[in-house]
PDB file of N, CA and C in Angstrom:
ATOM      1  N   UNK A   1      46.177  14.294  -8.492  1.00  0.00           N
ATOM      2  CA  UNK A   1      45.304  15.427  -8.293  1.00  0.00           C
ATOM      3  C   UNK A   1      45.832  16.576  -9.142  1.00  0.00           C
ATOM      4  N   UNK A   2      44.931  17.206  -9.877  1.00  0.00           N
ATOM      5  CA  UNK A   2      45.304  18.326 -10.741  1.00  0.00           C
ATOM      6  C   UNK A   2      44.853  19.642 -10.128  1.00  0.00           C
ATOM      7  N   UNK A   3      45.581  20.702 -10.461  1.00  0.00           N
ATOM      8  CA  UNK A   3      45.221  22.055 -10.030  1.00  0.00           C
ATOM      9  C   UNK A   3      45.198  22.926 -11.275  1.00  0.00           C
ATOM     10  N   UNK A   4      44.171  23.746 -11.388  1.00  0.00           N
ATOM     11  CA  UNK A   4      44.069  24.644 -12.530  1.00  0.00           C
ATOM     12  C   UNK A   4      43.418  25.947 -12.100  1.00  0.00           C
ATOM     13  N   UNK A   5      43.614  26.995 -12.897  1.00  0.00           N
ATOM     14  CA  UNK A   5      42.995  28.291 -12.648  1.00  0.00           C
ATOM     15  C   UNK A   5      41.903  28.497 -13.686  1.00  0.00           C
ATOM     16  N   UNK A   6      40.725  28.895 -13.232  1.00  0.00           N
ATOM     17  CA  UNK A   6      39.587  29.093 -14.120  1.00  0.00           C
ATOM     18  C   UNK A   6      39.198  30.560 -14.124  1.00  0.00           C
ATOM     19  N   UNK A   7      38.504  30.985 -15.171  1.00  0.00           N
ATOM     20  CA  UNK A   7      37.989  32.344 -15.266  1.00  0.00           C
ATOM     21  C   UNK A   7      36.473  32.290 -15.250  1.00  0.00           C
ATOM     22  N   UNK A   8      35.871  33.082 -14.396  1.00  0.00           N
ATOM     23  CA  UNK A   8      34.427  33.151 -14.294  1.00  0.00           C
ATOM     24  C   UNK A   8      33.879  33.946 -15.467  1.00  0.00           C
ATOM     25  N   UNK A   9      32.880  33.402 -16.173  1.00  0.00           N
ATOM     26  CA  UNK A   9      32.301  34.110 -17.314  1.00  0.00           C
ATOM     27  C   UNK A   9      31.346  35.200 -16.835  1.00  0.00           C
ATOM     28  N   UNK A  10      30.880  36.025 -17.768  1.00  0.00           N
ATOM     29  CA  UNK A  10      29.945  37.101 -17.420  1.00  0.00           C
ATOM     30  C   UNK A  10      28.618  36.539 -16.911  1.00  0.00           C
ATOM     31  N   UNK A  11      28.335  35.272 -17.203  1.00  0.00           N
ATOM     32  CA  UNK A  11      27.109  34.625 -16.732  1.00  0.00           C
ATOM     33  C   UNK A  11      27.351  33.838 -15.440  1.00  0.00           C
ATOM     34  N   UNK A  12      28.543  33.950 -14.873  1.00  0.00           N
ATOM     35  CA  UNK A  12      28.851  33.241 -13.635  1.00  0.00           C
ATOM     36  C   UNK A  12      29.191  31.783 -13.844  1.00  0.00           C
ATOM     37  N   UNK A  13      29.596  31.420 -15.051  1.00  0.00           N
ATOM     38  CA  UNK A  13      29.897  30.029 -15.379  1.00  0.00           C
ATOM     39  C   UNK A  13      31.402  29.788 -15.428  1.00  0.00           C
ATOM     40  N   UNK A  14      31.789  28.541 -15.147  1.00  0.00           N
ATOM     41  CA  UNK A  14      33.174  28.119 -15.318  1.00  0.00           C
ATOM     42  C   UNK A  14      33.169  26.830 -16.126  1.00  0.00           C
ATOM     43  N   UNK A  15      34.259  26.577 -16.826  1.00  0.00           N
ATOM     44  CA  UNK A  15      34.422  25.332 -17.567  1.00  0.00           C
ATOM     45  C   UNK A  15      35.458  24.496 -16.832  1.00  0.00           C
ATOM     46  N   UNK A  16      35.075  23.276 -16.466  1.00  0.00           N
ATOM     47  CA  UNK A  16      36.007  22.371 -15.811  1.00  0.00           C
ATOM     48  C   UNK A  16      36.820  21.710 -16.925  1.00  0.00           C
ATOM     49  N   UNK A  17      38.142  21.866 -16.901  1.00  0.00           N
ATOM     50  CA  UNK A  17      38.969  21.337 -17.978  1.00  0.00           C
ATOM     51  C   UNK A  17      38.785  19.827 -18.172  1.00  0.00           C
ATOM     52  N   UNK A  18      38.908  19.384 -19.434  1.00  0.00           N
ATOM     53  CA  UNK A  18      38.718  17.976 -19.789  1.00  0.00           C
ATOM     54  C   UNK A  18      39.626  17.068 -18.969  1.00  0.00           C
ATOM     55  N   UNK A  19      40.852  17.488 -18.750  1.00  0.00           N
ATOM     56  CA  UNK A  19      41.804  16.673 -17.977  1.00  0.00           C
ATOM     57  C   UNK A  19      41.239  16.336 -16.595  1.00  0.00           C
ATOM     58  N   UNK A  20      40.647  17.328 -15.944  1.00  0.00           N
ATOM     59  CA  UNK A  20      40.084  17.115 -14.608  1.00  0.00           C
ATOM     60  C   UNK A  20      38.793  16.318 -14.695  1.00  0.00           C
ATOM     61  N   UNK A  21      37.932  16.612 -15.686  1.00  0.00           N
ATOM     62  CA  UNK A  21      36.701  15.838 -15.854  1.00  0.00           C
ATOM     63  C   UNK A  21      37.028  14.365 -16.080  1.00  0.00           C
ATOM     64  N   UNK A  22      38.042  14.094 -16.896  1.00  0.00           N
ATOM     65  CA  UNK A  22      38.442  12.703 -17.150  1.00  0.00           C
ATOM     66  C   UNK A  22      38.990  12.047 -15.881  1.00  0.00           C
ATOM     67  N   UNK A  23      39.796  12.792 -15.144  1.00  0.00           N
ATOM     68  CA  UNK A  23      40.379  12.279 -13.897  1.00  0.00           C
ATOM     69  C   UNK A  23      39.291  11.895 -12.896  1.00  0.00           C
ATOM     70  N   UNK A  24      38.208  12.692 -12.847  1.00  0.00           N
ATOM     71  CA  UNK A  24      37.117  12.457 -11.905  1.00  0.00           C
ATOM     72  C   UNK A  24      35.988  11.612 -12.492  1.00  0.00           C
ATOM     73  N   UNK A  25      36.124  11.239 -13.762  1.00  0.00           N
ATOM     74  CA  UNK A  25      35.095  10.460 -14.475  1.00  0.00           C
ATOM     75  C   UNK A  25      33.773  11.223 -14.518  1.00  0.00           C
ATOM     76  N   UNK A  26      33.856  12.535 -14.743  1.00  0.00           N
ATOM     77  CA  UNK A  26      32.678  13.372 -14.873  1.00  0.00           C
ATOM     78  C   UNK A  26      32.374  13.550 -16.350  1.00  0.00           C
ATOM     79  N   UNK A  27      31.151  13.231 -16.739  1.00  0.00           N
ATOM     80  CA  UNK A  27      30.728  13.428 -18.119  1.00  0.00           C
ATOM     81  C   UNK A  27      29.459  14.277 -18.111  1.00  0.00           C
ATOM     82  N   UNK A  28      28.959  14.586 -19.292  1.00  0.00           N
ATOM     83  CA  UNK A  28      27.741  15.390 -19.390  1.00  0.00           C
ATOM     84  C   UNK A  28      26.642  14.713 -18.584  1.00  0.00           C
ATOM     85  N   UNK A  29      25.934  15.490 -17.793  1.00  0.00           N
ATOM     86  CA  UNK A  29      24.850  14.953 -16.983  1.00  0.00           C
ATOM     87  C   UNK A  29      25.256  14.569 -15.573  1.00  0.00           C
ATOM     88  N   UNK A  30      26.557  14.586 -15.274  1.00  0.00           N
ATOM     89  CA  UNK A  30      27.009  14.269 -13.920  1.00  0.00           C
ATOM     90  C   UNK A  30      26.494  15.338 -12.971  1.00  0.00           C
ATOM     91  N   UNK A  31      25.862  14.902 -11.886  1.00  0.00           N
ATOM     92  CA  UNK A  31      25.354  15.848 -10.890  1.00  0.00           C
ATOM     93  C   UNK A  31      26.482  16.191  -9.935  1.00  0.00           C
ATOM     94  N   UNK A  32      26.665  17.491  -9.685  1.00  0.00           N
ATOM     95  CA  UNK A  32      27.768  17.980  -8.863  1.00  0.00           C
ATOM     96  C   UNK A  32      27.206  18.854  -7.756  1.00  0.00           C
ATOM     97  N   UNK A  33      27.742  18.702  -6.556  1.00  0.00           N
ATOM     98  CA  UNK A  33      27.368  19.524  -5.414  1.00  0.00           C
ATOM     99  C   UNK A  33      28.430  20.602  -5.224  1.00  0.00           C
ATOM    100  N   UNK A  34      28.010  21.828  -5.031  1.00  0.00           N
ATOM    101  CA  UNK A  34      28.901  22.954  -4.791  1.00  0.00           C
ATOM    102  C   UNK A  34      28.767  23.348  -3.328  1.00  0.00           C
ATOM    103  N   UNK A  35      29.865  23.270  -2.584  1.00  0.00           N
ATOM    104  CA  UNK A  35      29.853  23.590  -1.147  1.00  0.00           C
ATOM    105  C   UNK A  35      30.705  24.834  -0.936  1.00  0.00           C
ATOM    106  N   UNK A  36      30.097  25.884  -0.362  1.00  0.00           N
ATOM    107  CA  UNK A  36      30.855  27.109  -0.120  1.00  0.00           C
ATOM    108  C   UNK A  36      31.414  27.100   1.290  1.00  0.00           C
ATOM    109  N   UNK A  37      32.562  27.769   1.448  1.00  0.00           N
ATOM    110  CA  UNK A  37      33.191  27.912   2.764  1.00  0.00           C
ATOM    111  C   UNK A  37      33.896  29.260   2.794  1.00  0.00           C
ATOM    112  N   UNK A  38      34.493  29.596   3.912  1.00  0.00           N
ATOM    113  CA  UNK A  38      35.185  30.876   4.043  1.00  0.00           C
ATOM    114  C   UNK A  38      36.361  30.976   3.075  1.00  0.00           C
ATOM    115  N   UNK A  39      36.974  29.841   2.741  1.00  0.00           N
ATOM    116  CA  UNK A  39      38.148  29.868   1.873  1.00  0.00           C
ATOM    117  C   UNK A  39      37.828  29.699   0.391  1.00  0.00           C
ATOM    118  N   UNK A  40      36.572  29.446   0.038  1.00  0.00           N
ATOM    119  CA  UNK A  40      36.215  29.270  -1.367  1.00  0.00           C
ATOM    120  C   UNK A  40      35.094  28.266  -1.539  1.00  0.00           C
ATOM    121  N   UNK A  41      35.184  27.472  -2.580  1.00  0.00           N
ATOM    122  CA  UNK A  41      34.152  26.462  -2.846  1.00  0.00           C
ATOM    123  C   UNK A  41      34.804  25.108  -3.113  1.00  0.00           C
ATOM    124  N   UNK A  42      34.025  24.071  -2.903  1.00  0.00           N
ATOM    125  CA  UNK A  42      34.448  22.710  -3.201  1.00  0.00           C
ATOM    126  C   UNK A  42      33.389  22.080  -4.085  1.00  0.00           C
ATOM    127  N   UNK A  43      33.812  21.418  -5.145  1.00  0.00           N
ATOM    128  CA  UNK A  43      32.892  20.678  -6.009  1.00  0.00           C
ATOM    129  C   UNK A  43      33.015  19.202  -5.681  1.00  0.00           C
ATOM    130  N   UNK A  44      31.881  18.540  -5.538  1.00  0.00           N
ATOM    131  CA  UNK A  44      31.870  17.109  -5.253  1.00  0.00           C
ATOM    132  C   UNK A  44      30.828  16.440  -6.130  1.00  0.00           C
ATOM    133  N   UNK A  45      31.052  15.181  -6.450  1.00  0.00           N
ATOM    134  CA  UNK A  45      30.044  14.423  -7.162  1.00  0.00           C
ATOM    135  C   UNK A  45      28.857  14.234  -6.230  1.00  0.00           C
ATOM    136  N   UNK A  46      27.675  14.577  -6.711  1.00  0.00           N
ATOM    137  CA  UNK A  46      26.465  14.431  -5.893  1.00  0.00           C
ATOM    138  C   UNK A  46      26.130  12.949  -5.772  1.00  0.00           C
ATOM    139  N   UNK A  47      25.586  12.544  -4.623  1.00  0.00           N
ATOM    140  CA  UNK A  47      25.196  11.141  -4.476  1.00  0.00           C
ATOM    141  C   UNK A  47      24.136  10.781  -5.502  1.00  0.00           C
ATOM    142  N   UNK A  48      24.198   9.564  -5.956  1.00  0.00           N
ATOM    143  CA  UNK A  48      23.198   9.117  -6.931  1.00  0.00           C
ATOM    144  C   UNK A  48      21.844   9.031  -6.252  1.00  0.00           C
ATOM    145  N   UNK A  49      20.807   9.376  -6.996  1.00  0.00           N
ATOM    146  CA  UNK A  49      19.460   9.306  -6.460  1.00  0.00           C
ATOM    147  C   UNK A  49      19.074   7.840  -6.316  1.00  0.00           C
ATOM    148  N   UNK A  50      18.397   7.540  -5.213  1.00  0.00           N
ATOM    149  CA  UNK A  50      17.909   6.186  -5.029  1.00  0.00           C
ATOM    150  C   UNK A  50      16.532   6.073  -5.652  1.00  0.00           C
ATOM    151  N   UNK A  51      16.234   4.908  -6.113  1.00  0.00           N
ATOM    152  CA  UNK A  51      14.947   4.680  -6.754  1.00  0.00           C
ATOM    153  C   UNK A  51      13.835   4.725  -5.717  1.00  0.00           C
ATOM    154  N   UNK A  52      12.724   5.275  -6.095  1.00  0.00           N
ATOM    155  CA  UNK A  52      11.591   5.328  -5.194  1.00  0.00           C
ATOM    156  C   UNK A  52      10.404   4.547  -5.751  1.00  0.00           C
ATOM    157  N   UNK A  53      10.659   3.721  -6.758  1.00  0.00           N
ATOM    158  CA  UNK A  53       9.573   2.935  -7.331  1.00  0.00           C
ATOM    159  C   UNK A  53       9.496   1.593  -6.613  1.00  0.00           C
ATOM    160  N   UNK A  54       8.304   1.178  -6.280  1.00  0.00           N
ATOM    161  CA  UNK A  54       8.101  -0.082  -5.579  1.00  0.00           C
ATOM    162  C   UNK A  54       8.632  -1.250  -6.397  1.00  0.00           C
ATOM    163  N   UNK A  55       8.458  -1.193  -7.701  1.00  0.00           N
ATOM    164  CA  UNK A  55       8.911  -2.285  -8.570  1.00  0.00           C
ATOM    165  C   UNK A  55      10.417  -2.524  -8.431  1.00  0.00           C
ATOM    166  N   UNK A  56      11.173  -1.472  -8.162  1.00  0.00           N
ATOM    167  CA  UNK A  56      12.623  -1.603  -8.040  1.00  0.00           C
ATOM    168  C   UNK A  56      13.036  -2.249  -6.722  1.00  0.00           C
ATOM    169  N   UNK A  57      12.124  -2.321  -5.759  1.00  0.00           N
ATOM    170  CA  UNK A  57      12.444  -2.886  -4.450  1.00  0.00           C
ATOM    171  C   UNK A  57      12.090  -4.366  -4.340  1.00  0.00           C
ATOM    172  N   UNK A  58      11.312  -4.882  -5.286  1.00  0.00           N
ATOM    173  CA  UNK A  58      10.897  -6.274  -5.229  1.00  0.00           C
ATOM    174  C   UNK A  58      12.128  -7.177  -5.292  1.00  0.00           C
ATOM    175  N   UNK A  59      12.201  -8.102  -4.363  1.00  0.00           N
ATOM    176  CA  UNK A  59      13.313  -9.043  -4.311  1.00  0.00           C
ATOM    177  C   UNK A  59      14.509  -8.532  -3.536  1.00  0.00           C
ATOM    178  N   UNK A  60      14.424  -7.313  -2.989  1.00  0.00           N
ATOM    179  CA  UNK A  60      15.553  -6.740  -2.272  1.00  0.00           C
ATOM    180  C   UNK A  60      15.824  -7.500  -0.978  1.00  0.00           C
ATOM    181  N   UNK A  61      14.775  -7.894  -0.264  1.00  0.00           N
ATOM    182  CA  UNK A  61      14.931  -8.631   0.987  1.00  0.00           C
ATOM    183  C   UNK A  61      14.726 -10.115   0.699  1.00  0.00           C
ATOM    184  N   UNK A  62      15.651 -10.918   1.140  1.00  0.00           N
ATOM    185  CA  UNK A  62      15.580 -12.356   0.900  1.00  0.00           C
ATOM    186  C   UNK A  62      15.089 -13.063   2.148  1.00  0.00           C
ATOM    187  N   UNK A  63      14.277 -14.095   1.966  1.00  0.00           N
ATOM    188  CA  UNK A  63      13.765 -14.901   3.074  1.00  0.00           C
ATOM    189  C   UNK A  63      14.132 -16.348   2.811  1.00  0.00           C
ATOM    190  N   UNK A  64      14.836 -16.947   3.762  1.00  0.00           N
ATOM    191  CA  UNK A  64      15.155 -18.365   3.661  1.00  0.00           C
ATOM    192  C   UNK A  64      14.062 -19.146   4.367  1.00  0.00           C
ATOM    193  N   UNK A  65      13.493 -20.088   3.685  1.00  0.00           N
ATOM    194  CA  UNK A  65      12.458 -20.908   4.294  1.00  0.00           C
ATOM    195  C   UNK A  65      11.174 -20.827   3.503  1.00  0.00           C
ATOM    196  N   UNK A  66      10.148 -21.475   4.026  1.00  0.00           N
ATOM    197  CA  UNK A  66       8.869 -21.492   3.301  1.00  0.00           C
ATOM    198  C   UNK A  66       8.220 -20.113   3.314  1.00  0.00           C
ATOM    199  N   UNK A  67       7.358 -19.844   2.345  1.00  0.00           N
ATOM    200  CA  UNK A  67       6.662 -18.558   2.311  1.00  0.00           C
ATOM    201  C   UNK A  67       5.828 -18.367   3.577  1.00  0.00           C
ATOM    202  N   UNK A  68       5.688 -17.134   4.013  1.00  0.00           N
ATOM    203  CA  UNK A  68       4.879 -16.811   5.175  1.00  0.00           C
ATOM    204  C   UNK A  68       3.523 -16.293   4.721  1.00  0.00           C
ATOM    205  N   UNK A  69       2.489 -16.674   5.444  1.00  0.00           N
ATOM    206  CA  UNK A  69       1.152 -16.187   5.100  1.00  0.00           C
ATOM    207  C   UNK A  69       1.020 -14.736   5.552  1.00  0.00           C
ATOM    208  N   UNK A  70       0.045 -14.054   4.998  1.00  0.00           N
ATOM    209  CA  UNK A  70      -0.215 -12.673   5.383  1.00  0.00           C
ATOM    210  C   UNK A  70      -0.584 -12.606   6.860  1.00  0.00           C
ATOM    211  N   UNK A  71      -1.332 -13.604   7.339  1.00  0.00           N
ATOM    212  CA  UNK A  71      -1.705 -13.645   8.760  1.00  0.00           C
ATOM    213  C   UNK A  71      -0.467 -13.719   9.649  1.00  0.00           C
ATOM    214  N   UNK A  72       0.496 -14.574   9.269  1.00  0.00           N
ATOM    215  CA  UNK A  72       1.716 -14.695  10.063  1.00  0.00           C
ATOM    216  C   UNK A  72       2.530 -13.400  10.039  1.00  0.00           C
ATOM    217  N   UNK A  73       2.554 -12.739   8.898  1.00  0.00           N
ATOM    218  CA  UNK A  73       3.307 -11.491   8.780  1.00  0.00           C
ATOM    219  C   UNK A  73       2.693 -10.377   9.625  1.00  0.00           C
ATOM    220  N   UNK A  74       1.387 -10.430   9.841  1.00  0.00           N
ATOM    221  CA  UNK A  74       0.695  -9.367  10.565  1.00  0.00           C
ATOM    222  C   UNK A  74       0.587  -9.628  12.065  1.00  0.00           C
ATOM    223  N   UNK A  75       1.037 -10.785  12.536  1.00  0.00           N
ATOM    224  CA  UNK A  75       0.966 -11.087  13.968  1.00  0.00           C
ATOM    225  C   UNK A  75       1.890 -10.151  14.737  1.00  0.00           C
ATOM    226  N   UNK A  76       1.456  -9.746  15.943  1.00  0.00           N
ATOM    227  CA  UNK A  76       2.344  -8.918  16.775  1.00  0.00           C
ATOM    228  C   UNK A  76       3.598  -9.700  17.152  1.00  0.00           C
ATOM    229  N   UNK A  77       4.686  -9.004  17.348  1.00  0.00           N
ATOM    230  CA  UNK A  77       5.951  -9.636  17.712  1.00  0.00           C
ATOM    231  C   UNK A  77       6.181  -9.428  19.203  1.00  0.00           C
ATOM    232  N   UNK A  78       6.506 -10.520  19.900  1.00  0.00           N
ATOM    233  CA  UNK A  78       6.778 -10.450  21.335  1.00  0.00           C
ATOM    234  C   UNK A  78       8.287 -10.464  21.528  1.00  0.00           C
ATOM    235  N   UNK A  79       8.838  -9.312  21.892  1.00  0.00           N
ATOM    236  CA  UNK A  79      10.281  -9.195  22.088  1.00  0.00           C
ATOM    237  C   UNK A  79      10.691  -9.452  23.541  1.00  0.00           C
ATOM    238  N   UNK A  80       9.743  -9.710  24.424  1.00  0.00           N
ATOM    239  CA  UNK A  80      10.073  -9.815  25.845  1.00  0.00           C
ATOM    240  C   UNK A  80      11.079 -10.931  26.122  1.00  0.00           C
ATOM    241  N   UNK A  81      10.951 -12.075  25.484  1.00  0.00           N
ATOM    242  CA  UNK A  81      11.889 -13.180  25.721  1.00  0.00           C
ATOM    243  C   UNK A  81      13.290 -12.791  25.260  1.00  0.00           C
ATOM    244  N   UNK A  82      13.397 -12.151  24.102  1.00  0.00           N
ATOM    245  CA  UNK A  82      14.703 -11.708  23.603  1.00  0.00           C
ATOM    246  C   UNK A  82      15.295 -10.649  24.520  1.00  0.00           C
ATOM    247  N   UNK A  83      14.460  -9.745  24.994  1.00  0.00           N
ATOM    248  CA  UNK A  83      14.929  -8.667  25.862  1.00  0.00           C
ATOM    249  C   UNK A  83      15.438  -9.233  27.177  1.00  0.00           C
ATOM    250  N   UNK A  84      14.682 -10.173  27.763  1.00  0.00           N
ATOM    251  CA  UNK A  84      15.093 -10.779  29.029  1.00  0.00           C
ATOM    252  C   UNK A  84      16.420 -11.524  28.877  1.00  0.00           C
ATOM    253  N   UNK A  85      16.593 -12.234  27.761  1.00  0.00           N
ATOM    254  CA  UNK A  85      17.841 -12.950  27.520  1.00  0.00           C
ATOM    255  C   UNK A  85      19.000 -11.965  27.371  1.00  0.00           C
ATOM    256  N   UNK A  86      18.767 -10.834  26.728  1.00  0.00           N
ATOM    257  CA  UNK A  86      19.809  -9.827  26.555  1.00  0.00           C
ATOM    258  C   UNK A  86      20.219  -9.224  27.890  1.00  0.00           C
ATOM    259  N   UNK A  87      19.252  -8.966  28.764  1.00  0.00           N
ATOM    260  CA  UNK A  87      19.527  -8.380  30.075  1.00  0.00           C
ATOM    261  C   UNK A  87      20.352  -9.363  30.914  1.00  0.00           C
ATOM    262  N   UNK A  88      20.025 -10.652  30.827  1.00  0.00           N
ATOM    263  CA  UNK A  88      20.752 -11.652  31.601  1.00  0.00           C
ATOM    264  C   UNK A  88      22.207 -11.720  31.144  1.00  0.00           C
ATOM    265  N   UNK A  89      22.453 -11.581  29.819  1.00  0.00           N
ATOM    266  CA  UNK A  89      23.820 -11.614  29.303  1.00  0.00           C
ATOM    267  C   UNK A  89      24.634 -10.414  29.775  1.00  0.00           C
ATOM    268  N   UNK A  90      23.990  -9.287  29.917  1.00  0.00           N
ATOM    269  CA  UNK A  90      24.678  -8.056  30.336  1.00  0.00           C
ATOM    270  C   UNK A  90      25.075  -8.141  31.807  1.00  0.00           C
ATOM    271  N   UNK A  91      24.238  -8.744  32.620  1.00  0.00           N
ATOM    272  CA  UNK A  91      24.498  -8.826  34.062  1.00  0.00           C
ATOM    273  C   UNK A  91      25.590  -9.764  34.313  1.00  0.00           C
TER     274      UNK A  91
END
């Protein structure tokens, strides 16, 4: 872990030294979150954005077995048998 002193520019900007950027694997375009507190601020790498395109989700869930028809997928699910079995195990 490195410690350094920075100077705030007239535009309110700071430069994160290359040594620290390299240590944190931060390059141009890295999204950073700034969290303020009573003692100062903390910089953290922002979480990566998740894809919201349907095409990117295809194949994400795997199904073992034969394909299911649309009718079978749309049938109501009866959880009562599973629920009753769970209650019996708890007792």
